[in-house]
PDB file of N, CA and C in Angstrom:
ATOM      1  N   UNK A   1     -15.648   5.471  -8.853  1.00  0.00           N
ATOM      2  CA  UNK A   1     -14.142   5.911  -9.395  1.00  0.00           C
ATOM      3  C   UNK A   1     -13.382   4.672 -10.434  1.00  0.00           C
ATOM      4  N   UNK A   2     -13.032   4.868 -11.447  1.00  0.00           N
ATOM      5  CA  UNK A   2     -12.692   4.294 -12.500  1.00  0.00           C
ATOM      6  C   UNK A   2     -11.103   3.913 -12.222  1.00  0.00           C
ATOM      7  N   UNK A   3     -10.547   2.688 -12.489  1.00  0.00           N
ATOM      8  CA  UNK A   3      -9.118   2.566 -12.327  1.00  0.00           C
ATOM      9  C   UNK A   3      -8.324   3.140 -12.854  1.00  0.00           C
ATOM     10  N   UNK A   4      -7.097   3.727 -12.597  1.00  0.00           N
ATOM     11  CA  UNK A   4      -6.631   5.110 -13.488  1.00  0.00           C
ATOM     12  C   UNK A   4      -6.883   6.473 -13.707  1.00  0.00           C
ATOM     13  N   UNK A   5      -7.906   6.750 -12.748  1.00  0.00           N
ATOM     14  CA  UNK A   5      -8.815   8.014 -12.830  1.00  0.00           C
ATOM     15  C   UNK A   5      -7.787   8.702 -11.202  1.00  0.00           C
ATOM     16  N   UNK A   6      -7.522  10.084 -11.861  1.00  0.00           N
ATOM     17  CA  UNK A   6      -6.715  10.782 -10.652  1.00  0.00           C
ATOM     18  C   UNK A   6      -7.775  11.579  -9.874  1.00  0.00           C
ATOM     19  N   UNK A   7      -7.387  11.903  -8.936  1.00  0.00           N
ATOM     20  CA  UNK A   7      -7.956  12.463  -7.851  1.00  0.00           C
ATOM     21  C   UNK A   7      -7.612  13.446  -7.303  1.00  0.00           C
ATOM     22  N   UNK A   8      -7.830  14.791  -7.310  1.00  0.00           N
ATOM     23  CA  UNK A   8      -7.219  16.113  -7.144  1.00  0.00           C
ATOM     24  C   UNK A   8      -7.448  15.904  -5.382  1.00  0.00           C
ATOM     25  N   UNK A   9      -6.555  16.363  -4.662  1.00  0.00           N
ATOM     26  CA  UNK A   9      -6.549  16.768  -3.137  1.00  0.00           C
ATOM     27  C   UNK A   9      -6.953  18.330  -2.789  1.00  0.00           C
ATOM     28  N   UNK A  10      -7.875  18.790  -2.576  1.00  0.00           N
ATOM     29  CA  UNK A  10      -8.274  19.839  -1.671  1.00  0.00           C
ATOM     30  C   UNK A  10      -7.701  20.374  -0.557  1.00  0.00           C
ATOM     31  N   UNK A  11      -7.624  21.553  -0.177  1.00  0.00           N
ATOM     32  CA  UNK A  11      -7.208  22.203   1.131  1.00  0.00           C
ATOM     33  C   UNK A  11      -7.908  21.689   2.287  1.00  0.00           C
ATOM     34  N   UNK A  12      -8.684  21.352   1.990  1.00  0.00           N
ATOM     35  CA  UNK A  12      -9.695  21.229   3.119  1.00  0.00           C
ATOM     36  C   UNK A  12      -9.607  19.648   3.546  1.00  0.00           C
ATOM     37  N   UNK A  13      -9.251  18.693   2.473  1.00  0.00           N
ATOM     38  CA  UNK A  13      -8.782  17.366   2.700  1.00  0.00           C
ATOM     39  C   UNK A  13      -7.354  17.076   3.611  1.00  0.00           C
ATOM     40  N   UNK A  14      -6.640  18.411   3.099  1.00  0.00           N
ATOM     41  CA  UNK A  14      -5.041  18.325   3.889  1.00  0.00           C
ATOM     42  C   UNK A  14      -5.453  18.514   5.418  1.00  0.00           C
ATOM     43  N   UNK A  15      -6.375  19.575   5.607  1.00  0.00           N
ATOM     44  CA  UNK A  15      -6.534  20.086   6.829  1.00  0.00           C
ATOM     45  C   UNK A  15      -7.053  19.028   7.944  1.00  0.00           C
ATOM     46  N   UNK A  16      -8.210  18.207   7.183  1.00  0.00           N
ATOM     47  CA  UNK A  16      -8.870  16.780   8.031  1.00  0.00           C
ATOM     48  C   UNK A  16      -7.956  15.655   8.130  1.00  0.00           C
ATOM     49  N   UNK A  17      -7.003  15.935   7.401  1.00  0.00           N
ATOM     50  CA  UNK A  17      -5.828  14.924   7.749  1.00  0.00           C
ATOM     51  C   UNK A  17      -5.511  13.780   6.384  1.00  0.00           C
ATOM     52  N   UNK A  18      -6.106  14.405   5.433  1.00  0.00           N
ATOM     53  CA  UNK A  18      -5.558  13.409   4.151  1.00  0.00           C
ATOM     54  C   UNK A  18      -4.626  14.162   3.634  1.00  0.00           C
ATOM     55  N   UNK A  19      -3.253  13.549   3.390  1.00  0.00           N
ATOM     56  CA  UNK A  19      -1.995  14.253   2.954  1.00  0.00           C
ATOM     57  C   UNK A  19      -1.820  13.658   1.604  1.00  0.00           C
ATOM     58  N   UNK A  20      -0.866  14.502   0.787  1.00  0.00           N
ATOM     59  CA  UNK A  20      -0.174  13.529   0.082  1.00  0.00           C
ATOM     60  C   UNK A  20       0.577  12.842   0.421  1.00  0.00           C
ATOM     61  N   UNK A  21       1.473  13.055   1.261  1.00  0.00           N
ATOM     62  CA  UNK A  21       2.422  11.898   1.884  1.00  0.00           C
ATOM     63  C   UNK A  21       1.633  11.197   2.785  1.00  0.00           C
ATOM     64  N   UNK A  22       1.471  10.030   2.616  1.00  0.00           N
ATOM     65  CA  UNK A  22       0.591   9.765   3.759  1.00  0.00           C
ATOM     66  C   UNK A  22       0.869   8.101   3.874  1.00  0.00           C
ATOM     67  N   UNK A  23       0.435   7.417   4.585  1.00  0.00           N
ATOM     68  CA  UNK A  23       0.399   6.151   5.174  1.00  0.00           C
ATOM     69  C   UNK A  23      -0.564   5.579   4.195  1.00  0.00           C
ATOM     70  N   UNK A  24      -0.143   4.395   3.875  1.00  0.00           N
ATOM     71  CA  UNK A  24      -0.770   3.567   3.013  1.00  0.00           C
ATOM     72  C   UNK A  24      -0.633   1.926   3.842  1.00  0.00           C
ATOM     73  N   UNK A  25      -1.375   1.174   3.108  1.00  0.00           N
ATOM     74  CA  UNK A  25      -1.647  -0.369   3.481  1.00  0.00           C
ATOM     75  C   UNK A  25      -1.784  -0.893   2.093  1.00  0.00           C
ATOM     76  N   UNK A  26      -0.680  -1.821   1.859  1.00  0.00           N
ATOM     77  CA  UNK A  26      -1.062  -2.444   0.575  1.00  0.00           C
ATOM     78  C   UNK A  26      -1.120  -4.350   0.853  1.00  0.00           C
ATOM     79  N   UNK A  27      -2.075  -4.613   0.374  1.00  0.00           N
ATOM     80  CA  UNK A  27      -2.215  -6.144   0.360  1.00  0.00           C
ATOM     81  C   UNK A  27      -2.254  -6.594  -0.861  1.00  0.00           C
ATOM     82  N   UNK A  28      -2.083  -8.037  -0.673  1.00  0.00           N
ATOM     83  CA  UNK A  28      -1.799  -8.949  -1.918  1.00  0.00           C
ATOM     84  C   UNK A  28      -2.632 -10.131  -1.997  1.00  0.00           C
ATOM     85  N   UNK A  29      -2.871 -10.893  -2.897  1.00  0.00           N
ATOM     86  CA  UNK A  29      -3.429 -12.454  -2.843  1.00  0.00           C
ATOM     87  C   UNK A  29      -2.601 -12.981  -4.586  1.00  0.00           C
ATOM     88  N   UNK A  30      -1.442 -13.452  -3.889  1.00  0.00           N
ATOM     89  CA  UNK A  30      -0.684 -13.994  -5.128  1.00  0.00           C
ATOM     90  C   UNK A  30      -0.553 -15.561  -5.387  1.00  0.00           C
ATOM     91  N   UNK A  31      -1.067 -16.273  -5.971  1.00  0.00           N
ATOM     92  CA  UNK A  31      -0.758 -17.590  -5.808  1.00  0.00           C
ATOM     93  C   UNK A  31       0.726 -18.255  -5.872  1.00  0.00           C
ATOM     94  N   UNK A  32       1.526 -17.585  -7.021  1.00  0.00           N
ATOM     95  CA  UNK A  32       2.460 -18.066  -7.389  1.00  0.00           C
ATOM     96  C   UNK A  32       3.509 -17.589  -6.116  1.00  0.00           C
ATOM     97  N   UNK A  33       4.449 -18.224  -5.861  1.00  0.00           N
ATOM     98  CA  UNK A  33       5.372 -18.270  -5.063  1.00  0.00           C
ATOM     99  C   UNK A  33       6.572 -17.006  -5.203  1.00  0.00           C
ATOM    100  N   UNK A  34       6.936 -17.363  -6.623  1.00  0.00           N
ATOM    101  CA  UNK A  34       8.247 -16.522  -7.101  1.00  0.00           C
ATOM    102  C   UNK A  34       7.667 -14.703  -7.280  1.00  0.00           C
ATOM    103  N   UNK A  35       6.708 -14.892  -7.651  1.00  0.00           N
ATOM    104  CA  UNK A  35       6.371 -13.587  -7.928  1.00  0.00           C
ATOM    105  C   UNK A  35       5.702 -13.162  -6.861  1.00  0.00           C
ATOM    106  N   UNK A  36       4.879 -13.738  -5.647  1.00  0.00           N
ATOM    107  CA  UNK A  36       5.208 -12.894  -4.540  1.00  0.00           C
ATOM    108  C   UNK A  36       5.778 -12.755  -3.700  1.00  0.00           C
ATOM    109  N   UNK A  37       6.581 -13.361  -3.929  1.00  0.00           N
ATOM    110  CA  UNK A  37       8.293 -13.132  -3.379  1.00  0.00           C
ATOM    111  C   UNK A  37       8.422 -11.722  -4.165  1.00  0.00           C
ATOM    112  N   UNK A  38       8.937 -11.496  -5.373  1.00  0.00           N
ATOM    113  CA  UNK A  38       9.436  -9.825  -5.999  1.00  0.00           C
ATOM    114  C   UNK A  38       8.484  -9.095  -5.716  1.00  0.00           C
ATOM    115  N   UNK A  39       7.300  -9.428  -5.509  1.00  0.00           N
ATOM    116  CA  UNK A  39       5.973  -8.151  -4.804  1.00  0.00           C
ATOM    117  C   UNK A  39       6.341  -7.915  -3.349  1.00  0.00           C
ATOM    118  N   UNK A  40       6.503  -8.616  -2.694  1.00  0.00           N
ATOM    119  CA  UNK A  40       7.388  -8.280  -1.354  1.00  0.00           C
ATOM    120  C   UNK A  40       8.446  -7.587  -1.330  1.00  0.00           C
ATOM    121  N   UNK A  41       9.333  -8.022  -1.904  1.00  0.00           N
ATOM    122  CA  UNK A  41      10.678  -7.419  -2.294  1.00  0.00           C
ATOM    123  C   UNK A  41      10.742  -5.670  -3.151  1.00  0.00           C
ATOM    124  N   UNK A  42       9.673  -5.866  -3.893  1.00  0.00           N
ATOM    125  CA  UNK A  42       9.435  -4.428  -4.395  1.00  0.00           C
ATOM    126  C   UNK A  42       9.010  -3.394  -2.922  1.00  0.00           C
ATOM    127  N   UNK A  43       7.836  -4.318  -2.402  1.00  0.00           N
ATOM    128  CA  UNK A  43       7.109  -3.510  -1.339  1.00  0.00           C
ATOM    129  C   UNK A  43       8.484  -2.622  -0.293  1.00  0.00           C
ATOM    130  N   UNK A  44       9.361  -3.751   0.044  1.00  0.00           N
ATOM    131  CA  UNK A  44      10.539  -3.150   0.727  1.00  0.00           C
ATOM    132  C   UNK A  44      11.630  -2.357   0.102  1.00  0.00           C
ATOM    133  N   UNK A  45      11.686  -2.709  -0.865  1.00  0.00           N
ATOM    134  CA  UNK A  45      12.418  -1.361  -1.998  1.00  0.00           C
ATOM    135  C   UNK A  45      11.948   0.226  -1.641  1.00  0.00           C
ATOM    136  N   UNK A  46      10.606   0.285  -1.280  1.00  0.00           N
ATOM    137  CA  UNK A  46       9.947   1.478  -1.405  1.00  0.00           C
ATOM    138  C   UNK A  46       9.516   1.997   0.344  1.00  0.00           C
ATOM    139  N   UNK A  47      10.160   0.997   1.175  1.00  0.00           N
ATOM    140  CA  UNK A  47      10.470   1.727   2.382  1.00  0.00           C
ATOM    141  C   UNK A  47       9.101   1.419   2.978  1.00  0.00           C
ATOM    142  N   UNK A  48       8.288   0.097   2.647  1.00  0.00           N
ATOM    143  CA  UNK A  48       7.134  -0.505   3.293  1.00  0.00           C
ATOM    144  C   UNK A  48       7.616  -1.399   4.130  1.00  0.00           C
ATOM    145  N   UNK A  49       6.998  -1.599   5.278  1.00  0.00           N
ATOM    146  CA  UNK A  49       7.177  -2.644   6.284  1.00  0.00           C
ATOM    147  C   UNK A  49       6.156  -3.703   6.205  1.00  0.00           C
ATOM    148  N   UNK A  50       6.466  -4.854   6.410  1.00  0.00           N
ATOM    149  CA  UNK A  50       5.419  -6.114   6.396  1.00  0.00           C
ATOM    150  C   UNK A  50       5.034  -6.006   7.835  1.00  0.00           C
ATOM    151  N   UNK A  51       3.410  -5.839   7.535  1.00  0.00           N
ATOM    152  CA  UNK A  51       2.588  -6.045   9.118  1.00  0.00           C
ATOM    153  C   UNK A  51       2.174  -7.182   9.135  1.00  0.00           C
ATOM    154  N   UNK A  52       2.136  -8.304   7.728  1.00  0.00           N
ATOM    155  CA  UNK A  52       1.424  -9.206   7.876  1.00  0.00           C
ATOM    156  C   UNK A  52       1.791 -10.322   6.233  1.00  0.00           C
ATOM    157  N   UNK A  53       1.533 -11.321   6.691  1.00  0.00           N
ATOM    158  CA  UNK A  53       2.165 -12.138   5.563  1.00  0.00           C
ATOM    159  C   UNK A  53       2.488 -11.389   4.229  1.00  0.00           C
ATOM    160  N   UNK A  54       1.392 -11.082   3.843  1.00  0.00           N
ATOM    161  CA  UNK A  54       1.035 -10.503   2.702  1.00  0.00           C
ATOM    162  C   UNK A  54       0.556  -9.084   2.641  1.00  0.00           C
ATOM    163  N   UNK A  55       0.808  -8.546   3.483  1.00  0.00           N
ATOM    164  CA  UNK A  55       0.562  -6.932   3.831  1.00  0.00           C
ATOM    165  C   UNK A  55       1.475  -6.209   3.986  1.00  0.00           C
ATOM    166  N   UNK A  56       1.785  -4.727   3.666  1.00  0.00           N
ATOM    167  CA  UNK A  56       2.581  -3.967   4.219  1.00  0.00           C
ATOM    168  C   UNK A  56       2.222  -2.783   4.166  1.00  0.00           C
ATOM    169  N   UNK A  57       2.908  -1.838   5.019  1.00  0.00           N
ATOM    170  CA  UNK A  57       2.506  -0.471   5.422  1.00  0.00           C
ATOM    171  C   UNK A  57       3.221   0.670   5.738  1.00  0.00           C
ATOM    172  N   UNK A  58       3.138   1.467   5.100  1.00  0.00           N
ATOM    173  CA  UNK A  58       4.524   2.751   5.552  1.00  0.00           C
ATOM    174  C   UNK A  58       3.725   4.379   5.169  1.00  0.00           C
ATOM    175  N   UNK A  59       4.594   5.053   4.912  1.00  0.00           N
ATOM    176  CA  UNK A  59       4.478   6.420   4.377  1.00  0.00           C
ATOM    177  C   UNK A  59       5.249   6.266   3.289  1.00  0.00           C
ATOM    178  N   UNK A  60       4.471   6.776   2.234  1.00  0.00           N
ATOM    179  CA  UNK A  60       4.739   6.888   0.627  1.00  0.00           C
ATOM    180  C   UNK A  60       4.106   8.397   0.307  1.00  0.00           C
ATOM    181  N   UNK A  61       4.789   9.242  -0.606  1.00  0.00           N
ATOM    182  CA  UNK A  61       3.944   9.990  -1.407  1.00  0.00           C
ATOM    183  C   UNK A  61       3.260   9.299  -2.352  1.00  0.00           C
ATOM    184  N   UNK A  62       2.655  10.645  -3.158  1.00  0.00           N
ATOM    185  CA  UNK A  62       1.632   9.940  -4.233  1.00  0.00           C
ATOM    186  C   UNK A  62       2.233   9.615  -5.483  1.00  0.00           C
ATOM    187  N   UNK A  63       3.527  10.345  -5.853  1.00  0.00           N
ATOM    188  CA  UNK A  63       4.251   9.642  -6.886  1.00  0.00           C
ATOM    189  C   UNK A  63       4.659   8.392  -6.980  1.00  0.00           C
ATOM    190  N   UNK A  64       5.301   8.322  -5.558  1.00  0.00           N
ATOM    191  CA  UNK A  64       5.904   6.905  -5.429  1.00  0.00           C
ATOM    192  C   UNK A  64       4.852   5.947  -5.465  1.00  0.00           C
ATOM    193  N   UNK A  65       3.871   6.449  -4.790  1.00  0.00           N
ATOM    194  CA  UNK A  65       2.527   5.478  -4.732  1.00  0.00           C
ATOM    195  C   UNK A  65       2.548   4.871  -6.355  1.00  0.00           C
ATOM    196  N   UNK A  66       2.177   5.916  -7.269  1.00  0.00           N
ATOM    197  CA  UNK A  66       1.818   5.744  -9.014  1.00  0.00           C
ATOM    198  C   UNK A  66       3.069   4.626  -9.174  1.00  0.00           C
ATOM    199  N   UNK A  67       4.113   5.206  -8.784  1.00  0.00           N
ATOM    200  CA  UNK A  67       5.513   4.649  -9.309  1.00  0.00           C
ATOM    201  C   UNK A  67       5.216   3.064  -8.979  1.00  0.00           C
ATOM    202  N   UNK A  68       5.072   2.847  -7.682  1.00  0.00           N
ATOM    203  CA  UNK A  68       5.087   1.690  -7.126  1.00  0.00           C
ATOM    204  C   UNK A  68       4.164   0.565  -7.479  1.00  0.00           C
ATOM    205  N   UNK A  69       2.919   0.814  -7.965  1.00  0.00           N
ATOM    206  CA  UNK A  69       1.980   0.452  -8.246  1.00  0.00           C
ATOM    207  C   UNK A  69       2.101  -0.023  -9.763  1.00  0.00           C
ATOM    208  N   UNK A  70       3.054   0.854 -10.476  1.00  0.00           N
ATOM    209  CA  UNK A  70       3.123   0.528 -11.738  1.00  0.00           C
ATOM    210  C   UNK A  70       3.933  -0.435 -12.048  1.00  0.00           C
ATOM    211  N   UNK A  71       5.316  -0.559 -11.336  1.00  0.00           N
ATOM    212  CA  UNK A  71       6.088  -1.624 -11.175  1.00  0.00           C
ATOM    213  C   UNK A  71       5.591  -3.113 -10.592  1.00  0.00           C
ATOM    214  N   UNK A  72       4.637  -3.128  -9.569  1.00  0.00           N
ATOM    215  CA  UNK A  72       4.006  -3.768  -9.456  1.00  0.00           C
ATOM    216  C   UNK A  72       2.984  -4.848 -10.402  1.00  0.00           C
ATOM    217  N   UNK A  73       2.443  -3.915 -11.070  1.00  0.00           N
ATOM    218  CA  UNK A  73       1.649  -4.660 -12.088  1.00  0.00           C
ATOM    219  C   UNK A  73       2.703  -4.899 -13.256  1.00  0.00           C
ATOM    220  N   UNK A  74       3.903  -4.692 -13.548  1.00  0.00           N
ATOM    221  CA  UNK A  74       4.962  -5.213 -14.454  1.00  0.00           C
ATOM    222  C   UNK A  74       5.148  -6.580 -13.598  1.00  0.00           C
ATOM    223  N   UNK A  75       5.666  -6.657 -12.105  1.00  0.00           N
ATOM    224  CA  UNK A  75       5.908  -7.596 -11.408  1.00  0.00           C
ATOM    225  C   UNK A  75       4.901  -8.884 -11.881  1.00  0.00           C
ATOM    226  N   UNK A  76       3.925  -8.298 -11.777  1.00  0.00           N
ATOM    227  CA  UNK A  76       2.626  -9.446 -11.542  1.00  0.00           C
ATOM    228  C   UNK A  76       2.586 -10.028 -13.096  1.00  0.00           C
ATOM    229  N   UNK A  77       2.781  -8.937 -14.196  1.00  0.00           N
ATOM    230  CA  UNK A  77       2.597  -9.400 -15.534  1.00  0.00           C
ATOM    231  C   UNK A  77       1.049 -10.077 -15.724  1.00  0.00           C
ATOM    232  N   UNK A  78       1.131 -11.118 -16.412  1.00  0.00           N
ATOM    233  CA  UNK A  78       0.194 -11.949 -16.599  1.00  0.00           C
ATOM    234  C   UNK A  78      -0.433 -13.051 -15.783  1.00  0.00           C
ATOM    235  N   UNK A  79       0.383 -13.182 -14.713  1.00  0.00           N
ATOM    236  CA  UNK A  79       0.318 -13.855 -13.497  1.00  0.00           C
ATOM    237  C   UNK A  79      -0.983 -13.559 -13.042  1.00  0.00           C
ATOM    238  N   UNK A  80      -2.030 -14.849 -12.171  1.00  0.00           N
ATOM    239  CA  UNK A  80      -2.843 -14.345 -11.409  1.00  0.00           C
ATOM    240  C   UNK A  80      -2.825 -13.389  -9.762  1.00  0.00           C
ATOM    241  N   UNK A  81      -3.429 -12.815  -9.780  1.00  0.00           N
ATOM    242  CA  UNK A  81      -3.030 -11.798  -8.459  1.00  0.00           C
ATOM    243  C   UNK A  81      -3.798 -10.703  -8.626  1.00  0.00           C
ATOM    244  N   UNK A  82      -3.979 -10.211  -7.359  1.00  0.00           N
ATOM    245  CA  UNK A  82      -5.030  -9.200  -6.785  1.00  0.00           C
ATOM    246  C   UNK A  82      -3.787  -8.184  -5.986  1.00  0.00           C
ATOM    247  N   UNK A  83      -3.753  -6.990  -5.895  1.00  0.00           N
ATOM    248  CA  UNK A  83      -2.778  -6.150  -5.341  1.00  0.00           C
ATOM    249  C   UNK A  83      -3.571  -4.793  -5.275  1.00  0.00           C
ATOM    250  N   UNK A  84      -3.366  -4.652  -3.775  1.00  0.00           N
ATOM    251  CA  UNK A  84      -4.704  -3.367  -3.573  1.00  0.00           C
ATOM    252  C   UNK A  84      -3.598  -2.678  -2.480  1.00  0.00           C
ATOM    253  N   UNK A  85      -3.733  -1.425  -2.928  1.00  0.00           N
ATOM    254  CA  UNK A  85      -3.238  -0.331  -2.149  1.00  0.00           C
ATOM    255  C   UNK A  85      -3.986   0.645  -1.895  1.00  0.00           C
ATOM    256  N   UNK A  86      -4.129   0.769  -0.353  1.00  0.00           N
ATOM    257  CA  UNK A  86      -5.252   1.591   0.304  1.00  0.00           C
ATOM    258  C   UNK A  86      -4.497   2.997   1.104  1.00  0.00           C
ATOM    259  N   UNK A  87      -4.652   4.254   0.795  1.00  0.00           N
ATOM    260  CA  UNK A  87      -4.089   5.409   1.458  1.00  0.00           C
ATOM    261  C   UNK A  87      -4.931   5.064   2.670  1.00  0.00           C
ATOM    262  N   UNK A  88      -4.389   5.730   3.532  1.00  0.00           N
ATOM    263  CA  UNK A  88      -5.425   5.833   5.208  1.00  0.00           C
ATOM    264  C   UNK A  88      -5.027   7.120   5.585  1.00  0.00           C
ATOM    265  N   UNK A  89      -5.653   7.528   6.105  1.00  0.00           N
ATOM    266  CA  UNK A  89      -5.635   9.395   6.609  1.00  0.00           C
ATOM    267  C   UNK A  89      -5.368   9.412   7.723  1.00  0.00           C
ATOM    268  N   UNK A  90      -4.391  10.621   8.231  1.00  0.00           N
ATOM    269  CA  UNK A  90      -3.850  10.530   9.550  1.00  0.00           C
ATOM    270  C   UNK A  90      -4.758  10.668  10.563  1.00  0.00           C
ATOM    271  N   UNK A  91      -6.181  10.875  10.562  1.00  0.00           N
ATOM    272  CA  UNK A  91      -7.477  11.027  11.560  1.00  0.00           C
ATOM    273  C   UNK A  91      -7.495   9.141  11.618  1.00  0.00           C
ATOM    274  N   UNK A  92      -7.666   8.798  10.902  1.00  0.00           N
ATOM    275  CA  UNK A  92      -8.164   7.440  10.255  1.00  0.00           C
ATOM    276  C   UNK A  92      -6.825   6.488  11.331  1.00  0.00           C
ATOM    277  N   UNK A  93      -5.817   6.605  11.025  1.00  0.00           N
ATOM    278  CA  UNK A  93      -4.447   6.005  11.146  1.00  0.00           C
ATOM    279  C   UNK A  93      -4.746   5.975  13.007  1.00  0.00           C
ATOM    280  N   UNK A  94      -5.100   7.507  13.503  1.00  0.00           N
ATOM    281  CA  UNK A  94      -5.015   7.597  14.747  1.00  0.00           C
ATOM    282  C   UNK A  94      -6.018   6.647  15.558  1.00  0.00           C
ATOM    283  N   UNK A  95      -7.002   6.406  14.775  1.00  0.00           N
ATOM    284  CA  UNK A  95      -7.867   5.481  15.664  1.00  0.00           C
ATOM    285  C   UNK A  95      -7.492   3.733  15.824  1.00  0.00           C
ATOM    286  N   UNK A  96      -6.564   3.300  14.905  1.00  0.00           N
ATOM    287  CA  UNK A  96      -6.568   1.854  14.789  1.00  0.00           C
ATOM    288  C   UNK A  96      -5.771   1.376  15.980  1.00  0.00           C
ATOM    289  N   UNK A  97      -6.082  -0.042  16.098  1.00  0.00           N
ATOM    290  CA  UNK A  97      -5.933  -0.505  17.223  1.00  0.00           C
ATOM    291  C   UNK A  97      -5.515  -1.906  16.649  1.00  0.00           C
ATOM    292  N   UNK A  98      -4.419  -2.562  17.091  1.00  0.00           N
ATOM    293  CA  UNK A  98      -3.754  -3.480  17.176  1.00  0.00           C
ATOM    294  C   UNK A  98      -3.931  -4.753  17.890  1.00  0.00           C
ATOM    295  N   UNK A  99      -3.895  -6.162  18.002  1.00  0.00           N
ATOM    296  CA  UNK A  99      -3.769  -7.221  19.053  1.00  0.00           C
ATOM    297  C   UNK A  99      -2.718  -7.933  18.355  1.00  0.00           C
ATOM    298  N   UNK A 100      -1.660  -8.267  19.555  1.00  0.00           N
ATOM    299  CA  UNK A 100      -0.008  -8.795  18.987  1.00  0.00           C
ATOM    300  C   UNK A 100      -0.206  -9.665  20.119  1.00  0.00           C
ATOM    301  N   UNK A 101       0.175 -10.957  19.679  1.00  0.00           N
ATOM    302  CA  UNK A 101       0.451 -11.645  20.987  1.00  0.00           C
ATOM    303  C   UNK A 101       1.769 -12.953  20.303  1.00  0.00           C
ATOM    304  N   UNK A 102       2.660 -12.708  21.205  1.00  0.00           N
ATOM    305  CA  UNK A 102       4.288 -13.105  20.607  1.00  0.00           C
ATOM    306  C   UNK A 102       4.116 -14.446  20.938  1.00  0.00           C
ATOM    307  N   UNK A 103       4.967 -15.531  20.142  1.00  0.00           N
ATOM    308  CA  UNK A 103       4.907 -16.949  20.697  1.00  0.00           C
ATOM    309  C   UNK A 103       6.034 -16.885  22.078  1.00  0.00           C
ATOM    310  N   UNK A 104       5.362 -17.812  22.807  1.00  0.00           N
ATOM    311  CA  UNK A 104       6.179 -18.321  24.000  1.00  0.00           C
ATOM    312  C   UNK A 104       7.377 -18.593  24.292  1.00  0.00           C
TER     313      UNK A 104
END
């Protein structure tokens, strides 16, 4: 699939857990501190929760995903960086595992 190509969602996909409103993971690798901070603030503006230093996750509908990516593209501008937004089906989300060790 090419960048910018739109994909329609079928009724079958909705039945197996891939919905228009869904969970996403957004990760980025941006060397510039100022730009990286603006990207993280933008993610919070869209209701995503920080799960790692350069990773956010949360529920966001398709239109807001597209809007967020357009804003992040503008925020990044011509600066070096890589921003990836990955939708996660509820079926796969149910299989997620997490290990957290809190500081003593």
